[in-house]
PDB file of N, CA and C in Angstrom:
ATOM      1  N   MET A   1      14.457 -25.859 -13.237  1.00  0.00           N
ATOM      2  CA  MET A   1      14.056 -24.668 -13.384  1.00  0.00           C
ATOM      3  C   MET A   1      15.269 -24.171 -14.308  1.00  0.00           C
ATOM      4  N   VAL A   2      14.673 -23.222 -15.267  1.00  0.00           N
ATOM      5  CA  VAL A   2      15.684 -22.698 -16.301  1.00  0.00           C
ATOM      6  C   VAL A   2      15.492 -21.171 -16.084  1.00  0.00           C
ATOM      7  N   TRP A   3      16.398 -20.631 -16.346  1.00  0.00           N
ATOM      8  CA  TRP A   3      16.203 -19.213 -16.488  1.00  0.00           C
ATOM      9  C   TRP A   3      17.336 -18.530 -17.196  1.00  0.00           C
ATOM     10  N   ASN A   4      17.269 -17.325 -17.375  1.00  0.00           N
ATOM     11  CA  ASN A   4      18.768 -16.547 -17.682  1.00  0.00           C
ATOM     12  C   ASN A   4      19.358 -15.884 -16.738  1.00  0.00           C
ATOM     13  N   ASN A   5      20.513 -15.660 -16.855  1.00  0.00           N
ATOM     14  CA  ASN A   5      21.333 -14.933 -16.114  1.00  0.00           C
ATOM     15  C   ASN A   5      20.382 -13.870 -15.834  1.00  0.00           C
ATOM     16  N   SER A   6      20.905 -13.020 -14.517  1.00  0.00           N
ATOM     17  CA  SER A   6      19.948 -11.605 -14.471  1.00  0.00           C
ATOM     18  C   SER A   6      20.473 -11.283 -13.084  1.00  0.00           C
ATOM     19  N   TYR A   7      20.457  -9.678 -12.991  1.00  0.00           N
ATOM     20  CA  TYR A   7      20.656  -8.652 -12.126  1.00  0.00           C
ATOM     21  C   TYR A   7      19.749  -7.705 -11.625  1.00  0.00           C
ATOM     22  N   LYS A   8      19.377  -8.220 -10.119  1.00  0.00           N
ATOM     23  CA  LYS A   8      18.351  -7.180  -9.852  1.00  0.00           C
ATOM     24  C   LYS A   8      19.010  -6.390  -8.967  1.00  0.00           C
ATOM     25  N   LYS A   9      18.624  -5.235  -8.779  1.00  0.00           N
ATOM     26  CA  LYS A   9      19.261  -4.060  -7.588  1.00  0.00           C
ATOM     27  C   LYS A   9      18.013  -3.036  -6.903  1.00  0.00           C
ATOM     28  N   ASP A  10      17.820  -3.591  -5.653  1.00  0.00           N
ATOM     29  CA  ASP A  10      16.333  -2.478  -5.321  1.00  0.00           C
ATOM     30  C   ASP A  10      17.106  -1.941  -4.229  1.00  0.00           C
ATOM     31  N   GLU A  11      16.644  -0.122  -4.379  1.00  0.00           N
ATOM     32  CA  GLU A  11      16.968   0.722  -3.383  1.00  0.00           C
ATOM     33  C   GLU A  11      15.641   1.375  -2.910  1.00  0.00           C
ATOM     34  N   VAL A  12      15.326   1.279  -1.255  1.00  0.00           N
ATOM     35  CA  VAL A  12      14.177   1.524  -1.050  1.00  0.00           C
ATOM     36  C   VAL A  12      14.717   2.603  -0.006  1.00  0.00           C
ATOM     37  N   GLU A  13      13.767   3.921   0.092  1.00  0.00           N
ATOM     38  CA  GLU A  13      13.642   4.784   1.434  1.00  0.00           C
ATOM     39  C   GLU A  13      12.462   4.594   1.979  1.00  0.00           C
ATOM     40  N   PHE A  14      12.537   4.552   3.591  1.00  0.00           N
ATOM     41  CA  PHE A  14      11.614   4.665   4.297  1.00  0.00           C
ATOM     42  C   PHE A  14      11.334   5.833   5.044  1.00  0.00           C
ATOM     43  N   ASN A  15      10.343   6.474   5.425  1.00  0.00           N
ATOM     44  CA  ASN A  15      10.364   7.561   6.109  1.00  0.00           C
ATOM     45  C   ASN A  15       9.569   7.230   7.333  1.00  0.00           C
ATOM     46  N   VAL A  16      10.659   7.280   9.009  1.00  0.00           N
ATOM     47  CA  VAL A  16       9.623   6.708   9.785  1.00  0.00           C
ATOM     48  C   VAL A  16       8.651   8.059  10.184  1.00  0.00           C
ATOM     49  N   PRO A  17       7.601   7.431  10.375  1.00  0.00           N
ATOM     50  CA  PRO A  17       6.281   8.323  11.043  1.00  0.00           C
ATOM     51  C   PRO A  17       6.847   9.485  12.330  1.00  0.00           C
ATOM     52  N   GLU A  18       6.257  10.338  12.703  1.00  0.00           N
ATOM     53  CA  GLU A  18       6.444  11.358  13.589  1.00  0.00           C
ATOM     54  C   GLU A  18       6.009  10.488  14.868  1.00  0.00           C
ATOM     55  N   GLY A  19       6.601  10.485  15.803  1.00  0.00           N
ATOM     56  CA  GLY A  19       6.258   9.623  17.092  1.00  0.00           C
ATOM     57  C   GLY A  19       6.535   8.070  17.137  1.00  0.00           C
ATOM     58  N   TYR A  20       7.290   7.741  16.007  1.00  0.00           N
ATOM     59  CA  TYR A  20       7.780   6.165  16.036  1.00  0.00           C
ATOM     60  C   TYR A  20       9.091   6.177  16.238  1.00  0.00           C
ATOM     61  N   GLU A  21       9.593   5.165  16.864  1.00  0.00           N
ATOM     62  CA  GLU A  21      11.268   5.114  17.221  1.00  0.00           C
ATOM     63  C   GLU A  21      11.299   3.705  16.329  1.00  0.00           C
ATOM     64  N   VAL A  22      12.632   3.587  15.735  1.00  0.00           N
ATOM     65  CA  VAL A  22      13.239   2.431  15.124  1.00  0.00           C
ATOM     66  C   VAL A  22      13.997   1.618  16.436  1.00  0.00           C
ATOM     67  N   TYR A  23      13.657   0.606  16.539  1.00  0.00           N
ATOM     68  CA  TYR A  23      14.246  -0.075  17.700  1.00  0.00           C
ATOM     69  C   TYR A  23      15.437  -1.470  17.140  1.00  0.00           C
ATOM     70  N   TYR A  24      15.228  -1.608  15.501  1.00  0.00           N
ATOM     71  CA  TYR A  24      15.780  -2.790  15.529  1.00  0.00           C
ATOM     72  C   TYR A  24      16.365  -2.746  13.695  1.00  0.00           C
ATOM     73  N   LEU A  25      17.345  -2.947  12.978  1.00  0.00           N
ATOM     74  CA  LEU A  25      17.342  -3.135  11.812  1.00  0.00           C
ATOM     75  C   LEU A  25      18.021  -4.420  11.589  1.00  0.00           C
ATOM     76  N   PRO A  26      17.656  -5.257  10.529  1.00  0.00           N
ATOM     77  CA  PRO A  26      18.186  -6.352  10.050  1.00  0.00           C
ATOM     78  C   PRO A  26      19.945  -6.111  10.036  1.00  0.00           C
ATOM     79  N   GLU A  27      20.539  -7.071  10.095  1.00  0.00           N
ATOM     80  CA  GLU A  27      22.290  -7.379  10.263  1.00  0.00           C
ATOM     81  C   GLU A  27      22.367  -7.560   8.369  1.00  0.00           C
ATOM     82  N   PRO A  28      23.636  -6.963   7.763  1.00  0.00           N
ATOM     83  CA  PRO A  28      23.692  -6.748   6.466  1.00  0.00           C
ATOM     84  C   PRO A  28      23.622  -8.445   5.971  1.00  0.00           C
ATOM     85  N   VAL A  29      23.363  -8.935   4.907  1.00  0.00           N
ATOM     86  CA  VAL A  29      23.639 -10.544   4.604  1.00  0.00           C
ATOM     87  C   VAL A  29      24.163 -10.174   3.182  1.00  0.00           C
ATOM     88  N   GLY A  30      25.294 -11.479   3.278  1.00  0.00           N
ATOM     89  CA  GLY A  30      25.860 -11.976   2.070  1.00  0.00           C
ATOM     90  C   GLY A  30      25.955 -12.984   1.664  1.00  0.00           C
ATOM     91  N   ILE A  31      25.208 -13.633   0.262  1.00  0.00           N
ATOM     92  CA  ILE A  31      25.249 -15.154   0.223  1.00  0.00           C
ATOM     93  C   ILE A  31      25.999 -15.156  -1.071  1.00  0.00           C
ATOM     94  N   LYS A  32      26.828 -15.956  -1.281  1.00  0.00           N
ATOM     95  CA  LYS A  32      27.636 -16.404  -2.351  1.00  0.00           C
ATOM     96  C   LYS A  32      27.946 -17.678  -2.573  1.00  0.00           C
ATOM     97  N   ASN A  33      26.964 -18.216  -3.759  1.00  0.00           N
ATOM     98  CA  ASN A  33      27.163 -19.913  -3.997  1.00  0.00           C
ATOM     99  C   ASN A  33      27.091 -19.825  -5.341  1.00  0.00           C
ATOM    100  N   GLN A  34      27.122 -21.194  -6.196  1.00  0.00           N
ATOM    101  CA  GLN A  34      27.010 -21.450  -7.208  1.00  0.00           C
ATOM    102  C   GLN A  34      25.952 -21.225  -8.264  1.00  0.00           C
ATOM    103  N   TYR A  35      24.946 -20.702  -7.658  1.00  0.00           N
ATOM    104  CA  TYR A  35      23.851 -20.400  -7.981  1.00  0.00           C
ATOM    105  C   TYR A  35      23.400 -18.926  -8.008  1.00  0.00           C
ATOM    106  N   PHE A  36      23.706 -18.438  -7.142  1.00  0.00           N
ATOM    107  CA  PHE A  36      23.680 -16.849  -7.084  1.00  0.00           C
ATOM    108  C   PHE A  36      24.486 -15.882  -6.047  1.00  0.00           C
ATOM    109  N   GLU A  37      24.204 -14.483  -6.106  1.00  0.00           N
ATOM    110  CA  GLU A  37      24.903 -13.875  -5.230  1.00  0.00           C
ATOM    111  C   GLU A  37      24.061 -13.000  -4.584  1.00  0.00           C
ATOM    112  N   PHE A  38      23.520 -12.326  -3.010  1.00  0.00           N
ATOM    113  CA  PHE A  38      22.847 -11.985  -2.968  1.00  0.00           C
ATOM    114  C   PHE A  38      23.086 -11.181  -1.837  1.00  0.00           C
ATOM    115  N   ARG A  39      23.512  -9.684  -1.629  1.00  0.00           N
ATOM    116  CA  ARG A  39      23.533  -8.733  -0.675  1.00  0.00           C
ATOM    117  C   ARG A  39      22.225  -8.190   0.028  1.00  0.00           C
ATOM    118  N   SER A  40      22.135  -7.646   0.967  1.00  0.00           N
ATOM    119  CA  SER A  40      21.166  -6.727   1.080  1.00  0.00           C
ATOM    120  C   SER A  40      21.832  -5.933   2.490  1.00  0.00           C
ATOM    121  N   SER A  41      21.098  -4.702   2.886  1.00  0.00           N
ATOM    122  CA  SER A  41      21.247  -3.794   4.248  1.00  0.00           C
ATOM    123  C   SER A  41      20.744  -2.593   4.166  1.00  0.00           C
ATOM    124  N   TYR A  42      20.446  -2.677   5.701  1.00  0.00           N
ATOM    125  CA  TYR A  42      19.572  -1.292   6.162  1.00  0.00           C
ATOM    126  C   TYR A  42      20.650  -0.494   7.022  1.00  0.00           C
ATOM    127  N   ARG A  43      19.721   0.678   7.035  1.00  0.00           N
ATOM    128  CA  ARG A  43      20.950   1.816   7.599  1.00  0.00           C
ATOM    129  C   ARG A  43      19.797   2.846   7.745  1.00  0.00           C
ATOM    130  N   GLN A  44      19.937   3.535   9.057  1.00  0.00           N
ATOM    131  CA  GLN A  44      18.972   4.463   9.491  1.00  0.00           C
ATOM    132  C   GLN A  44      19.933   5.920   9.257  1.00  0.00           C
ATOM    133  N   GLU A  45      19.250   7.037   8.957  1.00  0.00           N
ATOM    134  CA  GLU A  45      19.830   8.350   8.803  1.00  0.00           C
ATOM    135  C   GLU A  45      18.743   8.994   9.111  1.00  0.00           C
ATOM    136  N   GLY A  46      18.706   9.913  10.503  1.00  0.00           N
ATOM    137  CA  GLY A  46      17.752  10.495  10.946  1.00  0.00           C
ATOM    138  C   GLY A  46      16.418  10.038  11.286  1.00  0.00           C
ATOM    139  N   GLU A  47      15.403  10.055  10.441  1.00  0.00           N
ATOM    140  CA  GLU A  47      14.162   9.516  10.583  1.00  0.00           C
ATOM    141  C   GLU A  47      13.684   8.951   9.291  1.00  0.00           C
ATOM    142  N   ARG A  48      15.025   8.527   8.175  1.00  0.00           N
ATOM    143  CA  ARG A  48      14.846   7.695   7.437  1.00  0.00           C
ATOM    144  C   ARG A  48      15.586   6.270   7.092  1.00  0.00           C
ATOM    145  N   ILE A  49      14.876   5.557   6.652  1.00  0.00           N
ATOM    146  CA  ILE A  49      15.367   3.950   6.677  1.00  0.00           C
ATOM    147  C   ILE A  49      15.822   3.504   5.344  1.00  0.00           C
ATOM    148  N   PHE A  50      17.035   3.476   5.234  1.00  0.00           N
ATOM    149  CA  PHE A  50      17.587   3.028   3.774  1.00  0.00           C
ATOM    150  C   PHE A  50      17.653   1.454   3.460  1.00  0.00           C
ATOM    151  N   TYR A  51      17.106   0.962   2.482  1.00  0.00           N
ATOM    152  CA  TYR A  51      17.405  -0.611   2.097  1.00  0.00           C
ATOM    153  C   TYR A  51      17.937  -0.715   0.844  1.00  0.00           C
ATOM    154  N   GLU A  52      19.043  -1.426   0.998  1.00  0.00           N
ATOM    155  CA  GLU A  52      19.437  -1.722  -0.578  1.00  0.00           C
ATOM    156  C   GLU A  52      19.842  -2.987  -0.833  1.00  0.00           C
ATOM    157  N   GLY A  53      19.559  -3.836  -2.042  1.00  0.00           N
ATOM    158  CA  GLY A  53      19.385  -5.043  -2.099  1.00  0.00           C
ATOM    159  C   GLY A  53      19.707  -5.370  -3.252  1.00  0.00           C
ATOM    160  N   GLU A  54      20.672  -6.621  -3.809  1.00  0.00           N
ATOM    161  CA  GLU A  54      21.225  -6.733  -5.130  1.00  0.00           C
ATOM    162  C   GLU A  54      21.081  -8.577  -5.138  1.00  0.00           C
ATOM    163  N   LEU A  55      20.665  -8.993  -6.426  1.00  0.00           N
ATOM    164  CA  LEU A  55      20.610 -10.312  -6.701  1.00  0.00           C
ATOM    165  C   LEU A  55      21.324 -10.517  -7.652  1.00  0.00           C
ATOM    166  N   ILE A  56      22.036 -11.486  -8.213  1.00  0.00           N
ATOM    167  CA  ILE A  56      22.991 -11.960  -9.381  1.00  0.00           C
ATOM    168  C   ILE A  56      22.616 -13.397  -9.477  1.00  0.00           C
ATOM    169  N   ARG A  57      21.866 -13.467 -10.415  1.00  0.00           N
ATOM    170  CA  ARG A  57      21.283 -15.282 -10.731  1.00  0.00           C
ATOM    171  C   ARG A  57      22.896 -15.455 -11.931  1.00  0.00           C
ATOM    172  N   LYS A  58      23.483 -16.420 -11.345  1.00  0.00           N
ATOM    173  CA  LYS A  58      24.498 -17.147 -12.169  1.00  0.00           C
ATOM    174  C   LYS A  58      24.181 -18.318 -13.210  1.00  0.00           C
ATOM    175  N   ALA A  59      23.451 -19.020 -12.237  1.00  0.00           N
ATOM    176  CA  ALA A  59      23.145 -20.446 -12.745  1.00  0.00           C
ATOM    177  C   ALA A  59      22.017 -20.337 -13.750  1.00  0.00           C
ATOM    178  N   ILE A  60      22.011 -20.932 -15.187  1.00  0.00           N
ATOM    179  CA  ILE A  60      20.907 -20.907 -15.756  1.00  0.00           C
ATOM    180  C   ILE A  60      19.920 -22.159 -15.692  1.00  0.00           C
ATOM    181  N   ARG A  61      20.445 -23.374 -15.177  1.00  0.00           N
ATOM    182  CA  ARG A  61      19.452 -24.170 -15.009  1.00  0.00           C
ATOM    183  C   ARG A  61      19.837 -25.279 -13.720  1.00  0.00           C
ATOM    184  N   ILE A  62      18.821 -25.389 -12.912  1.00  0.00           N
ATOM    185  CA  ILE A  62      19.018 -26.285 -11.881  1.00  0.00           C
ATOM    186  C   ILE A  62      18.341 -27.658 -12.050  1.00  0.00           C
ATOM    187  N   THR A  63      19.402 -28.436 -11.923  1.00  0.00           N
ATOM    188  CA  THR A  63      18.610 -30.125 -12.327  1.00  0.00           C
ATOM    189  C   THR A  63      17.997 -30.391 -10.671  1.00  0.00           C
ATOM    190  N   PRO A  64      16.597 -31.442 -11.090  1.00  0.00           N
ATOM    191  CA  PRO A  64      15.892 -31.596  -9.757  1.00  0.00           C
ATOM    192  C   PRO A  64      16.763 -32.535  -8.754  1.00  0.00           C
ATOM    193  N   GLU A  65      17.755 -32.615  -9.153  1.00  0.00           N
ATOM    194  CA  GLU A  65      19.078 -33.426  -7.898  1.00  0.00           C
ATOM    195  C   GLU A  65      19.596 -32.106  -7.247  1.00  0.00           C
ATOM    196  N   ASP A  66      19.884 -31.255  -8.068  1.00  0.00           N
ATOM    197  CA  ASP A  66      20.275 -29.992  -7.298  1.00  0.00           C
ATOM    198  C   ASP A  66      19.145 -29.230  -6.587  1.00  0.00           C
ATOM    199  N   TYR A  67      18.134 -29.346  -6.908  1.00  0.00           N
ATOM    200  CA  TYR A  67      16.760 -28.324  -6.374  1.00  0.00           C
ATOM    201  C   TYR A  67      16.745 -28.458  -4.923  1.00  0.00           C
ATOM    202  N   PRO A  68      17.232 -29.447  -4.365  1.00  0.00           N
ATOM    203  CA  PRO A  68      16.865 -29.229  -2.448  1.00  0.00           C
ATOM    204  C   PRO A  68      17.944 -28.563  -1.813  1.00  0.00           C
ATOM    205  N   VAL A  69      19.237 -28.261  -2.727  1.00  0.00           N
ATOM    206  CA  VAL A  69      20.244 -27.834  -2.011  1.00  0.00           C
ATOM    207  C   VAL A  69      20.016 -26.240  -2.456  1.00  0.00           C
ATOM    208  N   TYR A  70      19.260 -25.909  -4.008  1.00  0.00           N
ATOM    209  CA  TYR A  70      19.339 -24.517  -3.966  1.00  0.00           C
ATOM    210  C   TYR A  70      18.314 -23.883  -3.328  1.00  0.00           C
ATOM    211  N   LYS A  71      17.200 -24.668  -3.293  1.00  0.00           N
ATOM    212  CA  LYS A  71      15.980 -24.411  -2.235  1.00  0.00           C
ATOM    213  C   LYS A  71      16.442 -23.990  -0.690  1.00  0.00           C
ATOM    214  N   LYS A  72      17.500 -24.871  -0.128  1.00  0.00           N
ATOM    215  CA  LYS A  72      17.794 -24.240   0.962  1.00  0.00           C
ATOM    216  C   LYS A  72      18.794 -22.563   1.322  1.00  0.00           C
ATOM    217  N   LEU A  73      19.302 -22.683   0.040  1.00  0.00           N
ATOM    218  CA  LEU A  73      20.178 -21.254  -0.030  1.00  0.00           C
ATOM    219  C   LEU A  73      19.160 -20.295  -0.269  1.00  0.00           C
ATOM    220  N   CYS A  74      17.866 -20.564  -0.627  1.00  0.00           N
ATOM    221  CA  CYS A  74      16.849 -19.347  -1.165  1.00  0.00           C
ATOM    222  C   CYS A  74      16.498 -19.082   0.024  1.00  0.00           C
ATOM    223  N   GLU A  75      16.141 -19.890   0.813  1.00  0.00           N
ATOM    224  CA  GLU A  75      15.622 -19.642   2.088  1.00  0.00           C
ATOM    225  C   GLU A  75      16.527 -18.973   3.546  1.00  0.00           C
ATOM    226  N   GLY A  76      17.514 -18.969   2.634  1.00  0.00           N
ATOM    227  CA  GLY A  76      18.240 -18.076   3.580  1.00  0.00           C
ATOM    228  C   GLY A  76      18.472 -17.209   2.991  1.00  0.00           C
ATOM    229  N   GLU A  77      18.121 -16.698   1.355  1.00  0.00           N
ATOM    230  CA  GLU A  77      17.930 -15.240   1.399  1.00  0.00           C
ATOM    231  C   GLU A  77      16.652 -14.640   2.108  1.00  0.00           C
ATOM    232  N   GLU A  78      15.641 -15.477   2.008  1.00  0.00           N
ATOM    233  CA  GLU A  78      14.504 -14.618   2.473  1.00  0.00           C
ATOM    234  C   GLU A  78      14.505 -14.513   3.988  1.00  0.00           C
ATOM    235  N   LYS A  79      15.308 -14.981   4.623  1.00  0.00           N
ATOM    236  CA  LYS A  79      15.586 -14.106   5.801  1.00  0.00           C
ATOM    237  C   LYS A  79      15.901 -12.873   6.320  1.00  0.00           C
ATOM    238  N   SER A  80      16.533 -12.135   5.102  1.00  0.00           N
ATOM    239  CA  SER A  80      16.896 -11.148   5.301  1.00  0.00           C
ATOM    240  C   SER A  80      15.631  -9.766   5.019  1.00  0.00           C
ATOM    241  N   PHE A  81      14.580 -10.595   4.644  1.00  0.00           N
ATOM    242  CA  PHE A  81      13.733  -9.422   4.547  1.00  0.00           C
ATOM    243  C   PHE A  81      12.549  -9.210   5.800  1.00  0.00           C
TER     244      PHE A  81
END
C-alpha cells in the first residue's frame, strides 16, 4: 500500500429525536503507532450528541510483510464507530 501522509478531522452533531433517550456512548479511543494516529470521542449535551474523530496517516508505504500488523491495528480503529 502506498499513499501520501494525510490528516482528516470529522466533527458531527446528532440531534436525539423527541421521546428517545441515549443509553450508551462509546468510550474515547486513542491509537498511536508507526502507521497512524487515531482519536475519537463522543459526548452528550442535552438532546445533542457530538462526535469528534482525527486520523493522521504517517506511513507512506506498507510492505506486504508489514500488512498483517497494519490490518490488525486498523481493526482496532474500526471498533470505535
